C-alpha atoms as a PDB file:
ATOM      1  CA  UNK A   1     -14.985  62.273 -99.040  1.00  0.00           C
ATOM      2  CA  UNK A   2     -16.313  63.195 -95.903  1.00  0.00           C
ATOM      3  CA  UNK A   3     -17.585  61.170 -92.850  1.00  0.00           C
ATOM      4  CA  UNK A   4     -21.359  61.391 -93.799  1.00  0.00           C
ATOM      5  CA  UNK A   5     -21.229  59.946 -97.285  1.00  0.00           C
ATOM      6  CA  UNK A   6     -18.805  57.306 -96.685  1.00  0.00           C
ATOM      7  CA  UNK A   7     -21.330  55.925 -93.242  1.00  0.00           C
ATOM      8  CA  UNK A   8     -24.465  56.245 -96.158  1.00  0.00           C
ATOM      9  CA  UNK A   9     -22.748  54.218 -98.537  1.00  0.00           C
ATOM     10  CA  UNK A  10     -21.800  51.629 -96.490  1.00  0.00           C
ATOM     11  CA  UNK A  11     -25.448  51.432 -95.428  1.00  0.00           C
ATOM     12  CA  UNK A  12     -26.652  51.078 -99.096  1.00  0.00           C
ATOM     13  CA  UNK A  13     -23.507  48.541 -99.858  1.00  0.00           C
ATOM     14  CA  UNK A  14     -25.262  45.977 -96.460  1.00  0.00           C
ATOM     15  CA  UNK A  15     -28.427  46.615 -97.598  1.00  0.00           C
ATOM     16  CA  UNK A  16     -27.847  45.240-100.913  1.00  0.00           C
ATOM     17  CA  UNK A  17     -27.062  42.070 -99.815  1.00  0.00           C
ATOM     18  CA  UNK A  18     -29.356  39.657-100.661  1.00  0.00           C
ATOM     19  CA  UNK A  19     -31.891  38.738 -97.274  1.00  0.00           C
ATOM     20  CA  UNK A  20     -31.181  35.162 -96.896  1.00  0.00           C
ATOM     21  CA  UNK A  21     -27.652  35.745 -97.036  1.00  0.00           C
ATOM     22  CA  UNK A  22     -27.577  37.777 -93.736  1.00  0.00           C
ATOM     23  CA  UNK A  23     -29.368  34.199 -92.361  1.00  0.00           C
ATOM     24  CA  UNK A  24     -26.257  31.888 -93.889  1.00  0.00           C
ATOM     25  CA  UNK A  25     -24.623  30.778 -90.709  1.00  0.00           C
ATOM     26  CA  UNK A  26     -27.693  29.813 -88.919  1.00  0.00           C
ATOM     27  CA  UNK A  27     -29.147  28.390 -91.764  1.00  0.00           C
ATOM     28  CA  UNK A  28     -25.977  25.966 -92.204  1.00  0.00           C
ATOM     29  CA  UNK A  29     -26.193  25.315 -88.728  1.00  0.00           C
ATOM     30  CA  UNK A  30     -29.633  24.271 -88.732  1.00  0.00           C
ATOM     31  CA  UNK A  31     -29.324  22.112 -91.521  1.00  0.00           C
ATOM     32  CA  UNK A  32     -26.202  20.542 -90.236  1.00  0.00           C
ATOM     33  CA  UNK A  33     -28.151  19.672 -86.940  1.00  0.00           C
ATOM     34  CA  UNK A  34     -31.077  18.200 -89.252  1.00  0.00           C
ATOM     35  CA  UNK A  35     -28.471  15.899 -91.249  1.00  0.00           C
ATOM     36  CA  UNK A  36     -27.138  14.532 -87.996  1.00  0.00           C
ATOM     37  CA  UNK A  37     -30.283  13.586 -86.792  1.00  0.00           C
ATOM     38  CA  UNK A  38     -30.919  12.334 -89.761  1.00  0.00           C
ATOM     39  CA  UNK A  39     -27.631  10.293 -89.824  1.00  0.00           C
ATOM     40  CA  UNK A  40     -28.487   8.826 -85.546  1.00  0.00           C
ATOM     41  CA  UNK A  41     -31.938   7.983 -86.796  1.00  0.00           C
ATOM     42  CA  UNK A  42     -30.549   5.674 -89.335  1.00  0.00           C
ATOM     43  CA  UNK A  43     -28.032   4.497 -87.328  1.00  0.00           C
ATOM     44  CA  UNK A  44     -30.654   3.349 -84.702  1.00  0.00           C
ATOM     45  CA  UNK A  45     -32.269   1.369 -86.932  1.00  0.00           C
ATOM     46  CA  UNK A  46     -30.316  -0.637 -87.614  1.00  0.00           C
ATOM     47  CA  UNK A  47     -29.659  -3.878 -84.843  1.00  0.00           C
ATOM     48  CA  UNK A  48     -26.741  -4.117 -82.974  1.00  0.00           C
ATOM     49  CA  UNK A  49     -24.314  -5.889 -84.112  1.00  0.00           C
ATOM     50  CA  UNK A  50     -23.420  -9.449 -82.757  1.00  0.00           C
ATOM     51  CA  UNK A  51     -20.404  -9.272 -79.903  1.00  0.00           C
ATOM     52  CA  UNK A  52     -17.172  -9.239 -81.675  1.00  0.00           C
ATOM     53  CA  UNK A  53     -18.433  -7.860 -85.031  1.00  0.00           C
ATOM     54  CA  UNK A  54     -17.731  -4.337 -84.456  1.00  0.00           C
ATOM     55  CA  UNK A  55     -15.172  -2.344 -86.262  1.00  0.00           C
ATOM     56  CA  UNK A  56     -13.107   0.697 -85.940  1.00  0.00           C
ATOM     57  CA  UNK A  57     -15.812   3.852 -86.576  1.00  0.00           C
ATOM     58  CA  UNK A  58     -19.190   1.623 -85.491  1.00  0.00           C
ATOM     59  CA  UNK A  59     -21.527   3.710 -84.165  1.00  0.00           C
ATOM     60  CA  UNK A  60     -23.355   0.453 -82.442  1.00  0.00           C
ATOM     61  CA  UNK A  61     -27.206   1.626 -81.606  1.00  0.00           C
ATOM     62  CA  UNK A  62     -28.786   1.069 -78.356  1.00  0.00           C
ATOM     63  CA  UNK A  63     -30.747  -2.365 -78.736  1.00  0.00           C
ATOM     64  CA  UNK A  64     -34.798  -2.391 -78.816  1.00  0.00           C
ATOM     65  CA  UNK A  65     -36.095  -3.292 -75.782  1.00  0.00           C
ATOM     66  CA  UNK A  66     -37.317  -7.709 -76.751  1.00  0.00           C
ATOM     67  CA  UNK A  67     -40.145  -9.073 -74.660  1.00  0.00           C
ATOM     68  CA  UNK A  68     -38.270 -11.730 -72.942  1.00  0.00           C
ATOM     69  CA  UNK A  69     -39.210 -15.405 -73.444  1.00  0.00           C
ATOM     70  CA  UNK A  70     -40.913 -17.403 -70.998  1.00  0.00           C
ATOM     71  CA  UNK A  71     -38.099 -18.864 -68.991  1.00  0.00           C
ATOM     72  CA  UNK A  72     -38.483 -22.726 -68.161  1.00  0.00           C
ATOM     73  CA  UNK A  73     -40.046 -22.151 -64.793  1.00  0.00           C
ATOM     74  CA  UNK A  74     -42.428 -19.773 -66.153  1.00  0.00           C
ATOM     75  CA  UNK A  75     -43.382 -22.536 -69.162  1.00  0.00           C
ATOM     76  CA  UNK A  76     -44.430 -25.125 -66.250  1.00  0.00           C
ATOM     77  CA  UNK A  77     -46.546 -22.952 -65.077  1.00  0.00           C
ATOM     78  CA  UNK A  78     -48.710 -21.781 -68.123  1.00  0.00           C
ATOM     79  CA  UNK A  79     -48.772 -25.965 -68.133  1.00  0.00           C
ATOM     80  CA  UNK A  80     -49.894 -26.387 -65.020  1.00  0.00           C
ATOM     81  CA  UNK A  81     -52.301 -24.501 -64.723  1.00  0.00           C
ATOM     82  CA  UNK A  82     -54.099 -25.473 -67.810  1.00  0.00           C
ATOM     83  CA  UNK A  83     -53.716 -28.724 -66.633  1.00  0.00           C
ATOM     84  CA  UNK A  84     -56.129 -27.768 -63.481  1.00  0.00           C
ATOM     85  CA  UNK A  85     -58.740 -25.963 -65.683  1.00  0.00           C
ATOM     86  CA  UNK A  86     -59.396 -29.776 -67.246  1.00  0.00           C
ATOM     87  CA  UNK A  87     -60.111 -30.747 -63.664  1.00  0.00           C
ATOM     88  CA  UNK A  88     -63.744 -32.578 -63.869  1.00  0.00           C
ATOM     89  CA  UNK A  89     -63.361 -33.748 -67.687  1.00  0.00           C
ATOM     90  CA  UNK A  90     -64.936 -37.610 -67.614  1.00  0.00           C
ATOM     91  CA  UNK A  91     -62.374 -40.285 -68.347  1.00  0.00           C
ATOM     92  CA  UNK A  92     -62.922 -41.923 -71.614  1.00  0.00           C
ATOM     93  CA  UNK A  93     -60.455 -44.399 -72.954  1.00  0.00           C
ATOM     94  CA  UNK A  94     -58.837 -43.403 -75.665  1.00  0.00           C
ATOM     95  CA  UNK A  95     -59.989 -39.780 -75.254  1.00  0.00           C
ATOM     96  CA  UNK A  96     -57.908 -37.436 -76.750  1.00  0.00           C
ATOM     97  CA  UNK A  97     -60.297 -34.316 -76.314  1.00  0.00           C
ATOM     98  CA  UNK A  98     -62.211 -32.331 -73.479  1.00  0.00           C
ATOM     99  CA  UNK A  99     -65.387 -32.875 -75.276  1.00  0.00           C
ATOM    100  CA  UNK A 100     -65.065 -36.275 -75.491  1.00  0.00           C
ATOM    101  CA  UNK A 101     -62.936 -36.975 -72.687  1.00  0.00           C
ATOM    102  CA  UNK A 102     -59.602 -38.389 -71.869  1.00  0.00           C
ATOM    103  CA  UNK A 103     -57.841 -41.472 -71.192  1.00  0.00           C
ATOM    104  CA  UNK A 104     -54.225 -40.847 -68.844  1.00  0.00           C
ATOM    105  CA  UNK A 105     -52.198 -40.309 -72.395  1.00  0.00           C
ATOM    106  CA  UNK A 106     -54.970 -38.404 -73.868  1.00  0.00           C
ATOM    107  CA  UNK A 107     -55.261 -36.114 -71.535  1.00  0.00           C
ATOM    108  CA  UNK A 108     -51.260 -35.422 -71.322  1.00  0.00           C
ATOM    109  CA  UNK A 109     -50.816 -34.965 -74.830  1.00  0.00           C
ATOM    110  CA  UNK A 110     -53.790 -32.393 -74.927  1.00  0.00           C
ATOM    111  CA  UNK A 111     -51.908 -30.334 -72.359  1.00  0.00           C
ATOM    112  CA  UNK A 112     -48.473 -30.196 -73.877  1.00  0.00           C
ATOM    113  CA  UNK A 113     -49.980 -29.724 -77.293  1.00  0.00           C
ATOM    114  CA  UNK A 114     -52.112 -27.060 -76.290  1.00  0.00           C
ATOM    115  CA  UNK A 115     -49.892 -25.051 -73.948  1.00  0.00           C
ATOM    116  CA  UNK A 116     -46.438 -25.875 -75.572  1.00  0.00           C
ATOM    117  CA  UNK A 117     -46.693 -26.464 -78.647  1.00  0.00           C
ATOM    118  CA  UNK A 118     -45.173 -29.928 -78.369  1.00  0.00           C
ATOM    119  CA  UNK A 119     -46.240 -33.261 -79.512  1.00  0.00           C
ATOM    120  CA  UNK A 120     -46.325 -36.143 -76.517  1.00  0.00           C
ATOM    121  CA  UNK A 121     -46.284 -40.121 -78.075  1.00  0.00           C
ATOM    122  CA  UNK A 122     -49.915 -41.516 -78.043  1.00  0.00           C
ATOM    123  CA  UNK A 123     -49.413 -43.835 -75.175  1.00  0.00           C
ATOM    124  CA  UNK A 124     -48.147 -43.358 -71.806  1.00  0.00           C
ATOM    125  CA  UNK A 125     -45.218 -46.704 -72.199  1.00  0.00           C
ATOM    126  CA  UNK A 126     -44.445 -44.562 -75.105  1.00  0.00           C
ATOM    127  CA  UNK A 127     -44.466 -41.266 -73.271  1.00  0.00           C
ATOM    128  CA  UNK A 128     -41.938 -42.885 -70.658  1.00  0.00           C
ATOM    129  CA  UNK A 129     -39.294 -44.050 -73.685  1.00  0.00           C
ATOM    130  CA  UNK A 130     -39.424 -39.931 -74.435  1.00  0.00           C
ATOM    131  CA  UNK A 131     -37.831 -37.369 -72.884  1.00  0.00           C
ATOM    132  CA  UNK A 132     -35.410 -37.354 -69.973  1.00  0.00           C
ATOM    133  CA  UNK A 133     -35.305 -39.179 -66.689  1.00  0.00           C
ATOM    134  CA  UNK A 134     -35.728 -37.646 -63.566  1.00  0.00           C
ATOM    135  CA  UNK A 135     -35.171 -38.529 -59.801  1.00  0.00           C
ATOM    136  CA  UNK A 136     -37.855 -38.046 -56.999  1.00  0.00           C
ATOM    137  CA  UNK A 137     -36.373 -36.015 -55.144  1.00  0.00           C
ATOM    138  CA  UNK A 138     -35.711 -33.239 -59.123  1.00  0.00           C
ATOM    139  CA  UNK A 139     -38.984 -33.356 -59.628  1.00  0.00           C
ATOM    140  CA  UNK A 140     -40.529 -29.908 -60.835  1.00  0.00           C
ATOM    141  CA  UNK A 141     -43.933 -29.216 -62.447  1.00  0.00           C
ATOM    142  CA  UNK A 142     -44.538 -30.453 -65.512  1.00  0.00           C
ATOM    143  CA  UNK A 143     -42.596 -33.754 -65.141  1.00  0.00           C
ATOM    144  CA  UNK A 144     -44.151 -36.570 -66.333  1.00  0.00           C
ATOM    145  CA  UNK A 145     -44.806 -39.073 -63.853  1.00  0.00           C
ATOM    146  CA  UNK A 146     -45.446 -42.430 -64.434  1.00  0.00           C
ATOM    147  CA  UNK A 147     -46.898 -45.733 -62.850  1.00  0.00           C
ATOM    148  CA  UNK A 148     -47.541 -49.558 -63.971  1.00  0.00           C
ATOM    149  CA  UNK A 149     -50.791 -50.106 -62.401  1.00  0.00           C
ATOM    150  CA  UNK A 150     -51.017 -53.904 -64.033  1.00  0.00           C
ATOM    151  CA  UNK A 151     -48.476 -56.094 -65.546  1.00  0.00           C
ATOM    152  CA  UNK A 152     -44.952 -55.164 -65.794  1.00  0.00           C
ATOM    153  CA  UNK A 153     -45.268 -52.463 -67.813  1.00  0.00           C
ATOM    154  CA  UNK A 154     -45.749 -49.192 -67.820  1.00  0.00           C
ATOM    155  CA  UNK A 155     -49.694 -48.415 -68.445  1.00  0.00           C
ATOM    156  CA  UNK A 156     -50.493 -44.991 -66.571  1.00  0.00           C
ATOM    157  CA  UNK A 157     -49.452 -41.350 -66.482  1.00  0.00           C
ATOM    158  CA  UNK A 158     -50.213 -37.932 -65.485  1.00  0.00           C
ATOM    159  CA  UNK A 159     -48.273 -34.077 -65.206  1.00  0.00           C
ATOM    160  CA  UNK A 160     -46.585 -32.895 -61.720  1.00  0.00           C
ATOM    161  CA  UNK A 161     -47.965 -30.422 -59.695  1.00  0.00           C
ATOM    162  CA  UNK A 162     -45.149 -29.876 -57.153  1.00  0.00           C
ATOM    163  CA  UNK A 163     -45.254 -30.698 -53.362  1.00  0.00           C
ATOM    164  CA  UNK A 164     -45.606 -34.474 -54.278  1.00  0.00           C
ATOM    165  CA  UNK A 165     -48.905 -34.214 -56.463  1.00  0.00           C
ATOM    166  CA  UNK A 166     -50.281 -34.445 -59.746  1.00  0.00           C
ATOM    167  CA  UNK A 167     -53.370 -34.451 -62.185  1.00  0.00           C
ATOM    168  CA  UNK A 168     -54.571 -37.069 -64.445  1.00  0.00           C
ATOM    169  CA  UNK A 169     -57.195 -38.900 -65.691  1.00  0.00           C
ATOM    170  CA  UNK A 170     -57.699 -42.108 -63.303  1.00  0.00           C
ATOM    171  CA  UNK A 171     -59.763 -44.677 -65.162  1.00  0.00           C
ATOM    172  CA  UNK A 172     -63.547 -45.034 -66.037  1.00  0.00           C
ATOM    173  CA  UNK A 173     -65.855 -43.833 -64.106  1.00  0.00           C
ATOM    174  CA  UNK A 174     -63.567 -40.895 -62.892  1.00  0.00           C
ATOM    175  CA  UNK A 175     -62.544 -37.717 -63.970  1.00  0.00           C
ATOM    176  CA  UNK A 176     -59.693 -35.503 -64.438  1.00  0.00           C
ATOM    177  CA  UNK A 177     -58.244 -34.793 -60.891  1.00  0.00           C
ATOM    178  CA  UNK A 178     -55.452 -34.435 -58.629  1.00  0.00           C
ATOM    179  CA  UNK A 179     -53.780 -37.045 -56.451  1.00  0.00           C
ATOM    180  CA  UNK A 180     -50.654 -37.552 -54.382  1.00  0.00           C
ATOM    181  CA  UNK A 181     -47.806 -39.839 -54.871  1.00  0.00           C
ATOM    182  CA  UNK A 182     -47.648 -40.675 -51.481  1.00  0.00           C
ATOM    183  CA  UNK A 183     -50.781 -42.179 -51.347  1.00  0.00           C
ATOM    184  CA  UNK A 184     -50.631 -45.862 -50.610  1.00  0.00           C
ATOM    185  CA  UNK A 185     -52.105 -46.898 -54.304  1.00  0.00           C
ATOM    186  CA  UNK A 186     -49.923 -44.649 -56.229  1.00  0.00           C
ATOM    187  CA  UNK A 187     -46.989 -44.727 -53.482  1.00  0.00           C
ATOM    188  CA  UNK A 188     -46.575 -48.632 -54.170  1.00  0.00           C
ATOM    189  CA  UNK A 189     -47.104 -48.575 -58.460  1.00  0.00           C
ATOM    190  CA  UNK A 190     -45.102 -45.547 -59.146  1.00  0.00           C
ATOM    191  CA  UNK A 191     -41.673 -46.108 -61.547  1.00  0.00           C
ATOM    192  CA  UNK A 192     -40.190 -42.967 -62.157  1.00  0.00           C
ATOM    193  CA  UNK A 193     -40.571 -39.617 -63.878  1.00  0.00           C
ATOM    194  CA  UNK A 194     -39.758 -38.083 -67.263  1.00  0.00           C
ATOM    195  CA  UNK A 195     -38.934 -34.647 -68.243  1.00  0.00           C
ATOM    196  CA  UNK A 196     -39.564 -34.017 -71.987  1.00  0.00           C
ATOM    197  CA  UNK A 197     -37.412 -32.050 -74.604  1.00  0.00           C
ATOM    198  CA  UNK A 198     -39.158 -28.796 -74.182  1.00  0.00           C
ATOM    199  CA  UNK A 199     -38.714 -28.370 -70.148  1.00  0.00           C
ATOM    200  CA  UNK A 200     -34.470 -29.689 -70.377  1.00  0.00           C
END
């Protein structure tokens, strides 16, 4: 067969092949790539298994960023800052709300409830029985400080702010204010400090 005729038949044979077969290899590569991407996406959608729970062949995904819960020091700052926003609210015996006024234990309860969602006992003596005792040198913002104003029982409470200061609702005719533990009146009546469990 003349060479020219063979060349023409070969050209016709190539042209007779379906169009998409000429691209079979790239299409397979593309499909494989897409499958791999889908698989990786599916793996990434699962939470990272707990340490020690991996089995051979697992493909752990990087954990998604999670907002860190506030550290205890952060909670203390929130609590102290909120307490300071309540300065100058008048004292009222049995008061539990800013609109009516606070007594000392009502003030402490309100601050803890509205910042940390923690319900404290209803009066200063009961609040003193709860939580963990804290040495004076170990006190931190948010700890509760207790006093005996009259008699032998605890009858007053405030929230320690740090640097020897505390915020409280003192007594009839006064308003929520900041006082110093080393003031003669408070130093003489100081009983101790307690740390509510939420801050432990």
